Amino acid sequence: MAQEQSACTLDLKHVQQLLLSSQEAKKAAYCPYSHFPVGAALLTRSGRIFSGCNVENACYSLGICAERTAIQKAVSEGEKDFRAIAIASDVQDDFISPCGACRQVMREFGTNWAVYMTKPDGTYVVRTVQELLPASFGPEDLQKFQ
């Protein structure tokens, strides 16, 4: 099933659970403007899964992506240590990839955790946050100026 893997991949049970959770989350997407539903499922180090979907707004810039919804749900419940996130959409020909803003929010919580980018048929590629956002700016960079 996996097409490419990185160093922080999960066992098959966790991968399947994440993929299914991201596909289920996609069903709740509120996307009346783009008609582009996206779901995400985030696995924490403690084993909890937080799902999220994209939520659009008539004031376009106020919408939020599925990945950030899942991360914010986790953080709001005290979880800040992540193992992996899976992203699902209806795009058939390409693996769904997180936008730049989502990559930066992911980066806030580390660089060595897995991002599973999927297709509706269940295939996926996996990259680390570091691979998706190389030479990034993070919390430790703020410490350099204090």
N, C-alpha and C. Protein backbone atom coordinates (compact mmCIF):
# COMPACT_ATOMS: atom_id res chain seq x y z
N MET A 1 0.83 -1.19 0.00
CA MET A 1 0.00 0.00 0.00
C MET A 1 0.88 1.26 0.00
N ALA A 2 1.88 1.30 0.87
CA ALA A 2 2.73 2.47 0.94
C ALA A 2 3.59 2.56 -0.32
N GLN A 3 3.71 3.77 -0.81
CA GLN A 3 4.49 3.95 -2.01
C GLN A 3 5.92 4.38 -1.70
N GLU A 4 6.06 5.27 -0.72
CA GLU A 4 7.37 5.70 -0.28
C GLU A 4 7.30 5.90 1.22
N GLN A 5 8.41 5.69 1.93
CA GLN A 5 8.39 5.81 3.38
C GLN A 5 9.57 6.63 3.88
N SER A 6 9.37 7.22 5.06
CA SER A 6 10.45 7.96 5.71
C SER A 6 10.80 7.26 7.02
N ALA A 7 11.71 7.85 7.76
CA ALA A 7 12.22 7.23 8.97
C ALA A 7 11.19 7.13 10.10
N CYS A 8 10.17 7.94 10.12
CA CYS A 8 9.24 7.94 11.25
C CYS A 8 7.88 7.37 10.88
N THR A 9 7.88 6.28 10.10
CA THR A 9 6.64 5.66 9.70
C THR A 9 6.02 4.88 10.86
N LEU A 10 4.75 4.61 10.75
CA LEU A 10 3.99 3.91 11.77
C LEU A 10 3.77 2.45 11.37
N ASP A 11 3.35 1.64 12.34
CA ASP A 11 2.97 0.27 12.00
C ASP A 11 1.66 0.31 11.21
N LEU A 12 1.37 -0.76 10.53
CA LEU A 12 0.24 -0.82 9.61
C LEU A 12 -1.08 -0.51 10.32
N LYS A 13 -1.25 -0.99 11.54
CA LYS A 13 -2.49 -0.76 12.29
C LYS A 13 -2.74 0.73 12.49
N HIS A 14 -1.70 1.48 12.91
CA HIS A 14 -1.85 2.91 13.12
C HIS A 14 -2.07 3.66 11.80
N VAL A 15 -1.39 3.23 10.75
CA VAL A 15 -1.57 3.86 9.44
C VAL A 15 -3.02 3.69 8.98
N GLN A 16 -3.53 2.48 9.06
CA GLN A 16 -4.90 2.23 8.62
C GLN A 16 -5.90 3.04 9.44
N GLN A 17 -5.67 3.12 10.75
CA GLN A 17 -6.55 3.88 11.63
C GLN A 17 -6.52 5.37 11.27
N LEU A 18 -5.34 5.89 11.01
CA LEU A 18 -5.21 7.31 10.64
C LEU A 18 -5.87 7.59 9.30
N LEU A 19 -5.63 6.73 8.32
CA LEU A 19 -6.22 6.94 7.00
C LEU A 19 -7.74 6.92 7.08
N LEU A 20 -8.29 5.96 7.78
CA LEU A 20 -9.74 5.87 7.93
C LEU A 20 -10.28 7.09 8.66
N SER A 21 -9.61 7.51 9.71
CA SER A 21 -10.06 8.68 10.47
C SER A 21 -10.02 9.95 9.63
N SER A 22 -9.01 10.09 8.78
CA SER A 22 -8.94 11.28 7.92
C SER A 22 -10.04 11.26 6.87
N GLN A 23 -10.35 10.08 6.34
CA GLN A 23 -11.43 9.97 5.36
C GLN A 23 -12.78 10.26 6.00
N GLU A 24 -12.98 9.81 7.22
CA GLU A 24 -14.23 10.10 7.95
C GLU A 24 -14.34 11.59 8.25
N ALA A 25 -13.25 12.21 8.65
CA ALA A 25 -13.25 13.65 8.96
C ALA A 25 -13.62 14.47 7.74
N LYS A 26 -13.20 14.02 6.58
CA LYS A 26 -13.49 14.73 5.33
C LYS A 26 -14.99 14.88 5.11
N LYS A 27 -15.76 13.92 5.58
CA LYS A 27 -17.22 13.94 5.40
C LYS A 27 -17.87 15.12 6.12
N ALA A 28 -17.20 15.67 7.13
CA ALA A 28 -17.75 16.79 7.90
C ALA A 28 -17.31 18.15 7.35
N ALA A 29 -16.51 18.16 6.30
CA ALA A 29 -15.99 19.42 5.77
C ALA A 29 -17.12 20.39 5.40
N TYR A 30 -16.89 21.64 5.72
CA TYR A 30 -17.82 22.72 5.35
C TYR A 30 -17.11 23.52 4.26
N CYS A 31 -17.45 23.23 3.02
CA CYS A 31 -16.73 23.85 1.90
C CYS A 31 -17.70 24.28 0.79
N PRO A 32 -18.64 25.19 1.12
CA PRO A 32 -19.64 25.60 0.12
C PRO A 32 -19.07 26.46 -1.00
N TYR A 33 -17.87 26.97 -0.85
CA TYR A 33 -17.29 27.87 -1.85
C TYR A 33 -16.32 27.14 -2.78
N SER A 34 -15.40 26.39 -2.21
CA SER A 34 -14.43 25.67 -3.04
C SER A 34 -14.94 24.30 -3.48
N HIS A 35 -15.86 23.72 -2.73
CA HIS A 35 -16.33 22.35 -2.98
C HIS A 35 -15.15 21.38 -2.99
N PHE A 36 -14.20 21.62 -2.08
CA PHE A 36 -12.97 20.83 -1.98
C PHE A 36 -12.84 20.31 -0.55
N PRO A 37 -13.54 19.22 -0.22
CA PRO A 37 -13.48 18.72 1.15
C PRO A 37 -12.13 18.08 1.48
N VAL A 38 -11.64 18.36 2.68
CA VAL A 38 -10.39 17.79 3.16
C VAL A 38 -10.61 17.34 4.60
N GLY A 39 -10.03 16.20 4.93
CA GLY A 39 -10.05 15.69 6.30
C GLY A 39 -8.63 15.41 6.75
N ALA A 40 -8.42 15.47 8.05
CA ALA A 40 -7.11 15.16 8.62
C ALA A 40 -7.31 14.40 9.91
N ALA A 41 -6.34 13.55 10.22
CA ALA A 41 -6.33 12.83 11.49
C ALA A 41 -4.92 12.88 12.04
N LEU A 42 -4.81 13.30 13.28
CA LEU A 42 -3.52 13.55 13.94
C LEU A 42 -3.33 12.55 15.07
N LEU A 43 -2.22 11.83 15.06
CA LEU A 43 -1.89 10.87 16.10
C LEU A 43 -0.87 11.48 17.04
N THR A 44 -1.20 11.51 18.33
CA THR A 44 -0.28 12.06 19.34
C THR A 44 0.62 10.96 19.88
N ARG A 45 1.68 11.34 20.55
CA ARG A 45 2.59 10.36 21.16
C ARG A 45 1.87 9.52 22.20
N SER A 46 0.84 10.09 22.83
CA SER A 46 0.09 9.35 23.85
C SER A 46 -0.92 8.38 23.24
N GLY A 47 -1.05 8.38 21.90
CA GLY A 47 -1.92 7.44 21.23
C GLY A 47 -3.31 7.97 20.89
N ARG A 48 -3.59 9.21 21.22
CA ARG A 48 -4.89 9.78 20.90
C ARG A 48 -4.91 10.24 19.44
N ILE A 49 -6.09 10.18 18.83
CA ILE A 49 -6.28 10.67 17.47
C ILE A 49 -7.26 11.83 17.50
N PHE A 50 -6.87 12.94 16.89
CA PHE A 50 -7.72 14.11 16.75
C PHE A 50 -7.99 14.30 15.27
N SER A 51 -9.26 14.43 14.92
CA SER A 51 -9.60 14.64 13.52
C SER A 51 -9.98 16.09 13.28
N GLY A 52 -9.92 16.48 12.03
CA GLY A 52 -10.31 17.83 11.65
C GLY A 52 -10.72 17.87 10.20
N CYS A 53 -11.49 18.88 9.85
CA CYS A 53 -11.90 19.08 8.46
C CYS A 53 -11.72 20.55 8.13
N ASN A 54 -11.75 20.86 6.85
CA ASN A 54 -11.67 22.26 6.47
C ASN A 54 -13.02 22.92 6.71
N VAL A 55 -12.96 24.18 7.14
CA VAL A 55 -14.16 24.96 7.42
C VAL A 55 -13.98 26.30 6.73
N GLU A 56 -14.76 26.52 5.67
CA GLU A 56 -14.66 27.75 4.89
C GLU A 56 -15.55 28.84 5.47
N ASN A 57 -15.30 30.05 5.00
CA ASN A 57 -16.04 31.22 5.46
C ASN A 57 -16.26 32.12 4.25
N ALA A 58 -17.37 32.85 4.25
CA ALA A 58 -17.64 33.78 3.14
C ALA A 58 -16.53 34.82 3.02
N CYS A 59 -15.92 35.17 4.13
CA CYS A 59 -14.71 35.99 4.12
C CYS A 59 -13.56 35.00 3.97
N TYR A 60 -13.18 34.72 2.74
CA TYR A 60 -12.31 33.59 2.41
C TYR A 60 -11.10 33.42 3.33
N SER A 61 -10.46 34.49 3.70
CA SER A 61 -9.23 34.36 4.49
C SER A 61 -9.48 33.83 5.90
N LEU A 62 -10.73 33.77 6.33
CA LEU A 62 -11.02 33.28 7.68
C LEU A 62 -11.28 31.78 7.73
N GLY A 63 -11.24 31.11 6.60
CA GLY A 63 -11.39 29.66 6.59
C GLY A 63 -10.18 29.00 7.23
N ILE A 64 -10.34 27.74 7.58
CA ILE A 64 -9.23 26.99 8.19
C ILE A 64 -9.13 25.62 7.55
N CYS A 65 -7.93 25.16 7.38
CA CYS A 65 -7.67 23.87 6.77
C CYS A 65 -7.88 22.74 7.78
N ALA A 66 -8.07 21.54 7.26
CA ALA A 66 -8.30 20.35 8.09
C ALA A 66 -7.12 20.08 9.02
N GLU A 67 -5.91 20.24 8.50
CA GLU A 67 -4.72 19.94 9.30
C GLU A 67 -4.64 20.86 10.53
N ARG A 68 -4.89 22.14 10.31
CA ARG A 68 -4.83 23.08 11.43
C ARG A 68 -5.97 22.86 12.40
N THR A 69 -7.14 22.46 11.90
CA THR A 69 -8.25 22.15 12.79
C THR A 69 -7.86 21.01 13.73
N ALA A 70 -7.29 19.93 13.18
CA ALA A 70 -6.89 18.79 14.00
C ALA A 70 -5.83 19.18 15.02
N ILE A 71 -4.84 19.95 14.59
CA ILE A 71 -3.76 20.37 15.49
C ILE A 71 -4.31 21.25 16.60
N GLN A 72 -5.17 22.19 16.26
CA GLN A 72 -5.72 23.08 17.28
C GLN A 72 -6.61 22.32 18.27
N LYS A 73 -7.35 21.33 17.79
CA LYS A 73 -8.14 20.50 18.70
C LYS A 73 -7.22 19.78 19.68
N ALA A 74 -6.14 19.21 19.18
CA ALA A 74 -5.20 18.49 20.05
C ALA A 74 -4.58 19.42 21.08
N VAL A 75 -4.09 20.56 20.63
CA VAL A 75 -3.45 21.51 21.54
C VAL A 75 -4.44 22.00 22.59
N SER A 76 -5.69 22.24 22.18
CA SER A 76 -6.70 22.73 23.12
C SER A 76 -7.02 21.70 24.20
N GLU A 77 -6.66 20.44 23.96
CA GLU A 77 -6.87 19.39 24.95
C GLU A 77 -5.56 18.94 25.58
N GLY A 78 -4.51 19.77 25.46
CA GLY A 78 -3.26 19.52 26.17
C GLY A 78 -2.24 18.67 25.46
N GLU A 79 -2.49 18.29 24.23
CA GLU A 79 -1.55 17.45 23.47
C GLU A 79 -0.69 18.32 22.56
N LYS A 80 0.62 18.15 22.66
CA LYS A 80 1.52 18.94 21.83
C LYS A 80 2.65 18.11 21.22
N ASP A 81 2.61 16.81 21.45
CA ASP A 81 3.66 15.92 20.96
C ASP A 81 3.03 14.96 19.96
N PHE A 82 3.38 15.13 18.68
CA PHE A 82 2.70 14.41 17.61
C PHE A 82 3.60 13.37 16.95
N ARG A 83 2.98 12.27 16.53
CA ARG A 83 3.68 11.22 15.79
C ARG A 83 3.43 11.32 14.30
N ALA A 84 2.17 11.61 13.92
CA ALA A 84 1.83 11.58 12.50
C ALA A 84 0.51 12.27 12.26
N ILE A 85 0.33 12.70 11.01
CA ILE A 85 -0.94 13.22 10.55
C ILE A 85 -1.22 12.62 9.17
N ALA A 86 -2.48 12.28 8.93
CA ALA A 86 -2.91 11.81 7.62
C ALA A 86 -3.88 12.82 7.05
N ILE A 87 -3.79 13.04 5.75
CA ILE A 87 -4.64 14.03 5.07
C ILE A 87 -5.38 13.32 3.94
N ALA A 88 -6.69 13.60 3.83
CA ALA A 88 -7.51 12.96 2.80
C ALA A 88 -8.30 14.01 2.02
N SER A 89 -8.46 13.75 0.72
CA SER A 89 -9.29 14.61 -0.13
C SER A 89 -9.91 13.73 -1.21
N ASP A 90 -10.63 14.36 -2.12
CA ASP A 90 -11.22 13.63 -3.24
C ASP A 90 -10.36 13.68 -4.50
N VAL A 91 -9.18 14.27 -4.43
CA VAL A 91 -8.29 14.37 -5.58
C VAL A 91 -7.85 12.95 -5.98
N GLN A 92 -8.08 12.58 -7.21
CA GLN A 92 -7.80 11.23 -7.69
C GLN A 92 -6.36 11.05 -8.19
N ASP A 93 -5.83 12.05 -8.87
CA ASP A 93 -4.57 11.89 -9.59
C ASP A 93 -3.31 12.23 -8.81
N ASP A 94 -3.45 12.96 -7.72
CA ASP A 94 -2.29 13.37 -6.94
C ASP A 94 -2.53 13.11 -5.47
N PHE A 95 -1.44 12.96 -4.73
CA PHE A 95 -1.55 12.84 -3.28
C PHE A 95 -1.81 14.23 -2.72
N ILE A 96 -2.75 14.34 -1.79
CA ILE A 96 -3.08 15.64 -1.19
C ILE A 96 -1.91 16.10 -0.33
N SER A 97 -1.52 17.33 -0.51
CA SER A 97 -0.36 17.89 0.17
C SER A 97 -0.80 19.09 1.02
N PRO A 98 -0.22 19.25 2.20
CA PRO A 98 -0.60 20.39 3.04
C PRO A 98 -0.10 21.71 2.45
N CYS A 99 -0.91 22.76 2.65
CA CYS A 99 -0.51 24.09 2.17
C CYS A 99 0.65 24.61 3.02
N GLY A 100 1.21 25.72 2.61
CA GLY A 100 2.33 26.31 3.33
C GLY A 100 2.00 26.71 4.75
N ALA A 101 0.82 27.27 4.97
CA ALA A 101 0.43 27.67 6.32
C ALA A 101 0.33 26.45 7.23
N CYS A 102 -0.24 25.37 6.73
CA CYS A 102 -0.34 24.14 7.53
C CYS A 102 1.04 23.56 7.82
N ARG A 103 1.93 23.62 6.85
CA ARG A 103 3.29 23.12 7.07
C ARG A 103 3.97 23.91 8.19
N GLN A 104 3.77 25.22 8.21
CA GLN A 104 4.38 26.03 9.25
C GLN A 104 3.77 25.72 10.62
N VAL A 105 2.47 25.51 10.67
CA VAL A 105 1.83 25.16 11.95
C VAL A 105 2.33 23.79 12.41
N MET A 106 2.46 22.84 11.50
CA MET A 106 3.02 21.53 11.85
C MET A 106 4.43 21.70 12.42
N ARG A 107 5.21 22.55 11.79
CA ARG A 107 6.60 22.79 12.18
C ARG A 107 6.70 23.31 13.61
N GLU A 108 5.71 24.05 14.06
CA GLU A 108 5.70 24.56 15.43
C GLU A 108 5.87 23.44 16.44
N PHE A 109 5.45 22.24 16.07
CA PHE A 109 5.45 21.11 17.00
C PHE A 109 6.50 20.05 16.64
N GLY A 110 7.53 20.47 15.92
CA GLY A 110 8.64 19.58 15.62
C GLY A 110 8.79 19.33 14.14
N THR A 111 9.92 18.73 13.80
CA THR A 111 10.22 18.47 12.39
C THR A 111 10.28 16.98 12.05
N ASN A 112 10.40 16.14 13.07
CA ASN A 112 10.60 14.71 12.81
C ASN A 112 9.34 13.91 13.14
N TRP A 113 8.24 14.28 12.49
CA TRP A 113 7.03 13.47 12.59
C TRP A 113 6.44 13.33 11.20
N ALA A 114 5.63 12.31 11.02
CA ALA A 114 5.22 11.87 9.68
C ALA A 114 3.96 12.57 9.19
N VAL A 115 3.95 12.85 7.88
CA VAL A 115 2.79 13.40 7.19
C VAL A 115 2.42 12.41 6.09
N TYR A 116 1.26 11.78 6.25
CA TYR A 116 0.75 10.82 5.27
C TYR A 116 -0.18 11.55 4.32
N MET A 117 0.24 11.66 3.07
CA MET A 117 -0.54 12.34 2.03
C MET A 117 -1.19 11.26 1.18
N THR A 118 -2.52 11.28 1.10
CA THR A 118 -3.25 10.14 0.55
C THR A 118 -3.96 10.45 -0.76
N LYS A 119 -4.44 9.38 -1.37
CA LYS A 119 -5.40 9.42 -2.48
C LYS A 119 -6.64 8.67 -2.01
N PRO A 120 -7.78 8.90 -2.65
CA PRO A 120 -9.01 8.21 -2.24
C PRO A 120 -8.93 6.68 -2.31
N ASP A 121 -8.03 6.16 -3.14
CA ASP A 121 -7.92 4.70 -3.26
C ASP A 121 -7.13 4.06 -2.12
N GLY A 122 -6.67 4.87 -1.16
CA GLY A 122 -5.96 4.34 0.00
C GLY A 122 -4.45 4.34 -0.13
N THR A 123 -3.93 4.68 -1.30
CA THR A 123 -2.47 4.77 -1.42
C THR A 123 -2.00 6.08 -0.79
N TYR A 124 -0.74 6.11 -0.46
CA TYR A 124 -0.20 7.30 0.21
C TYR A 124 1.30 7.40 0.00
N VAL A 125 1.80 8.59 0.24
CA VAL A 125 3.23 8.83 0.39
C VAL A 125 3.39 9.45 1.77
N VAL A 126 4.54 9.25 2.35
CA VAL A 126 4.79 9.80 3.68
C VAL A 126 6.11 10.58 3.67
N ARG A 127 6.08 11.72 4.29
CA ARG A 127 7.26 12.58 4.43
C ARG A 127 7.29 13.08 5.87
N THR A 128 8.45 13.50 6.30
CA THR A 128 8.52 14.18 7.59
C THR A 128 8.18 15.64 7.39
N VAL A 129 7.86 16.30 8.48
CA VAL A 129 7.63 17.75 8.41
C VAL A 129 8.90 18.42 7.87
N GLN A 130 10.06 17.95 8.31
CA GLN A 130 11.33 18.51 7.83
C GLN A 130 11.45 18.41 6.31
N GLU A 131 11.04 17.31 5.75
CA GLU A 131 11.12 17.14 4.30
C GLU A 131 10.15 18.07 3.57
N LEU A 132 9.01 18.35 4.19
CA LEU A 132 8.02 19.22 3.57
C LEU A 132 8.34 20.70 3.74
N LEU A 133 9.11 21.03 4.78
CA LEU A 133 9.44 22.42 5.05
C LEU A 133 10.91 22.54 5.48
N PRO A 134 11.82 22.35 4.53
CA PRO A 134 13.25 22.40 4.86
C PRO A 134 13.68 23.84 5.19
N ALA A 135 14.75 23.95 5.94
CA ALA A 135 15.31 25.26 6.32
C ALA A 135 14.23 26.14 6.94
N SER A 136 13.46 25.56 7.83
CA SER A 136 12.29 26.24 8.39
C SER A 136 12.64 27.10 9.59
N PHE A 137 11.68 27.94 9.94
CA PHE A 137 11.75 28.79 11.12
C PHE A 137 10.87 28.19 12.19
N GLY A 138 11.40 28.02 13.40
CA GLY A 138 10.62 27.42 14.47
C GLY A 138 10.86 28.09 15.81
N PRO A 139 10.23 27.56 16.85
CA PRO A 139 10.31 28.17 18.18
C PRO A 139 11.74 28.38 18.68
N GLU A 140 12.63 27.45 18.36
CA GLU A 140 14.01 27.58 18.84
C GLU A 140 14.71 28.78 18.20
N ASP A 141 14.26 29.21 17.04
CA ASP A 141 14.87 30.37 16.39
C ASP A 141 14.60 31.64 17.17
N LEU A 142 13.47 31.71 17.85
CA LEU A 142 13.16 32.90 18.67
C LEU A 142 14.10 33.01 19.86
N GLN A 143 14.61 31.86 20.34
CA GLN A 143 15.53 31.87 21.48
C GLN A 143 16.86 32.51 21.12
N LYS A 144 17.22 32.55 19.87
CA LYS A 144 18.50 33.12 19.43
C LYS A 144 18.58 34.62 19.65
N PHE A 145 17.44 35.27 19.84
CA PHE A 145 17.42 36.73 19.95
C PHE A 145 17.13 37.21 21.36
N GLN A 146 17.10 36.30 22.31
CA GLN A 146 16.78 36.72 23.68
C GLN A 146 18.01 36.83 24.54
